[in-house]
Amino acid sequence: MKRKDELMLQKVGDQALLIPLGAKVLDMNGMVVLNTTGSFIWELLARERSFGELVEAVVERFSVERDRAAGDVRTFVDDLCRQGWMDR
């Protein structure tokens, strides 16, 4: 899995925003606010990662149980795919 380069993560104050780039500006009306976990996963997806790698990284970074991390990563990845912002 890897994110597409149509969005840029920009930190503004204490918020992490996904801002559309290029032609994607026409498709989106606004920006997307990510929480700390979403921002962390987005950064990891700059290069090809497996689902397991993402889950393990979330477990290590946020000290959460593997099942909880897997559910959160699955939800986030599914949302990215549904929006067309990531390839599986």
Protein backbone atom coordinates (compact mmCIF):
# COMPACT_ATOMS: atom_id res chain seq x y z
CA MET A 1 0.00 0.00 0.00
CA LYS A 2 1.16 3.49 -0.79
CA ARG A 3 -0.49 6.90 -0.80
CA LYS A 4 -0.93 8.90 -3.96
CA ASP A 5 0.90 12.18 -4.41
CA GLU A 6 -2.27 14.20 -5.00
CA LEU A 7 -2.40 15.43 -1.41
CA MET A 8 0.15 17.12 0.82
CA LEU A 9 0.26 16.92 4.60
CA GLN A 10 0.67 20.38 6.07
CA LYS A 11 0.94 21.15 9.77
CA VAL A 12 -0.80 24.36 10.81
CA GLY A 13 -0.46 25.03 14.50
CA ASP A 14 -1.40 21.78 16.19
CA GLN A 15 -3.48 20.49 13.28
CA ALA A 16 -2.41 18.20 10.43
CA LEU A 17 -4.20 19.00 7.18
CA LEU A 18 -4.32 17.09 3.91
CA ILE A 19 -4.35 19.67 1.16
CA PRO A 20 -5.20 18.75 -2.45
CA LEU A 21 -2.62 19.40 -5.17
CA GLY A 22 -2.90 19.85 -8.94
CA ALA A 23 -6.06 18.53 -10.55
CA LYS A 24 -7.22 17.14 -7.19
CA VAL A 25 -8.05 20.73 -6.16
CA LEU A 26 -10.99 20.60 -8.58
CA ASP A 27 -12.26 17.33 -7.07
CA MET A 28 -12.11 18.38 -3.42
CA ASN A 29 -13.79 21.25 -1.73
CA GLY A 30 -11.53 22.03 1.20
CA MET A 31 -9.04 20.16 3.30
CA VAL A 32 -9.04 17.07 5.50
CA VAL A 33 -8.01 17.27 9.15
CA LEU A 34 -6.10 14.24 10.43
CA ASN A 35 -5.66 13.22 14.03
CA THR A 36 -2.23 12.22 15.35
CA THR A 37 -2.63 8.58 14.35
CA GLY A 38 -3.91 9.41 10.86
CA SER A 39 -1.04 11.83 10.33
CA PHE A 40 1.46 9.17 11.46
CA ILE A 41 0.00 6.55 9.10
CA TRP A 42 -0.12 9.05 6.21
CA GLU A 43 3.60 9.73 6.65
CA LEU A 44 4.36 5.99 6.71
CA LEU A 45 2.48 5.57 3.43
CA ALA A 46 5.00 7.78 1.61
CA ARG A 47 6.60 4.48 0.63
CA GLU A 48 5.15 1.04 0.02
CA ARG A 49 4.00 -0.62 3.27
CA SER A 50 2.09 -3.75 4.10
CA PHE A 51 -0.95 -3.69 6.35
CA GLY A 52 1.05 -5.60 8.97
CA GLU A 53 3.85 -3.03 8.88
CA LEU A 54 1.36 -0.23 9.46
CA VAL A 55 -0.27 -2.05 12.37
CA GLU A 56 3.09 -2.83 13.98
CA ALA A 57 4.21 0.79 13.65
CA VAL A 58 0.99 2.04 15.30
CA VAL A 59 1.34 -0.51 18.13
CA GLU A 60 4.92 0.60 18.79
CA ARG A 61 4.29 4.34 18.49
CA PHE A 62 1.05 4.60 20.45
CA SER A 63 1.33 1.62 22.84
CA VAL A 64 -2.08 0.22 21.89
CA GLU A 65 -3.23 -3.38 21.62
CA ARG A 66 -2.69 -5.02 18.25
CA ASP A 67 -6.42 -5.65 17.67
CA ARG A 68 -7.25 -2.01 18.32
CA ALA A 69 -4.42 -0.83 16.06
CA ALA A 70 -5.49 -3.22 13.29
CA GLY A 71 -9.07 -1.94 13.42
CA ASP A 72 -7.99 1.70 13.35
CA VAL A 73 -5.52 1.13 10.51
CA ARG A 74 -8.14 -0.82 8.52
CA THR A 75 -10.69 1.99 8.91
CA PHE A 76 -8.18 4.67 7.88
CA VAL A 77 -6.84 2.69 4.91
CA ASP A 78 -10.37 1.89 3.74
CA ASP A 79 -11.27 5.59 3.89
CA LEU A 80 -8.16 6.54 1.90
CA CYS A 81 -8.96 3.93 -0.74
CA ARG A 82 -12.61 4.99 -0.93
CA GLN A 83 -11.48 8.56 -1.57
CA GLY A 84 -8.99 7.40 -4.22
CA TRP A 85 -6.00 8.71 -2.27
CA MET A 86 -4.18 5.40 -1.94
CA ASP A 87 -3.42 2.27 -3.91
CA ARG A 88 -3.55 -1.11 -2.20
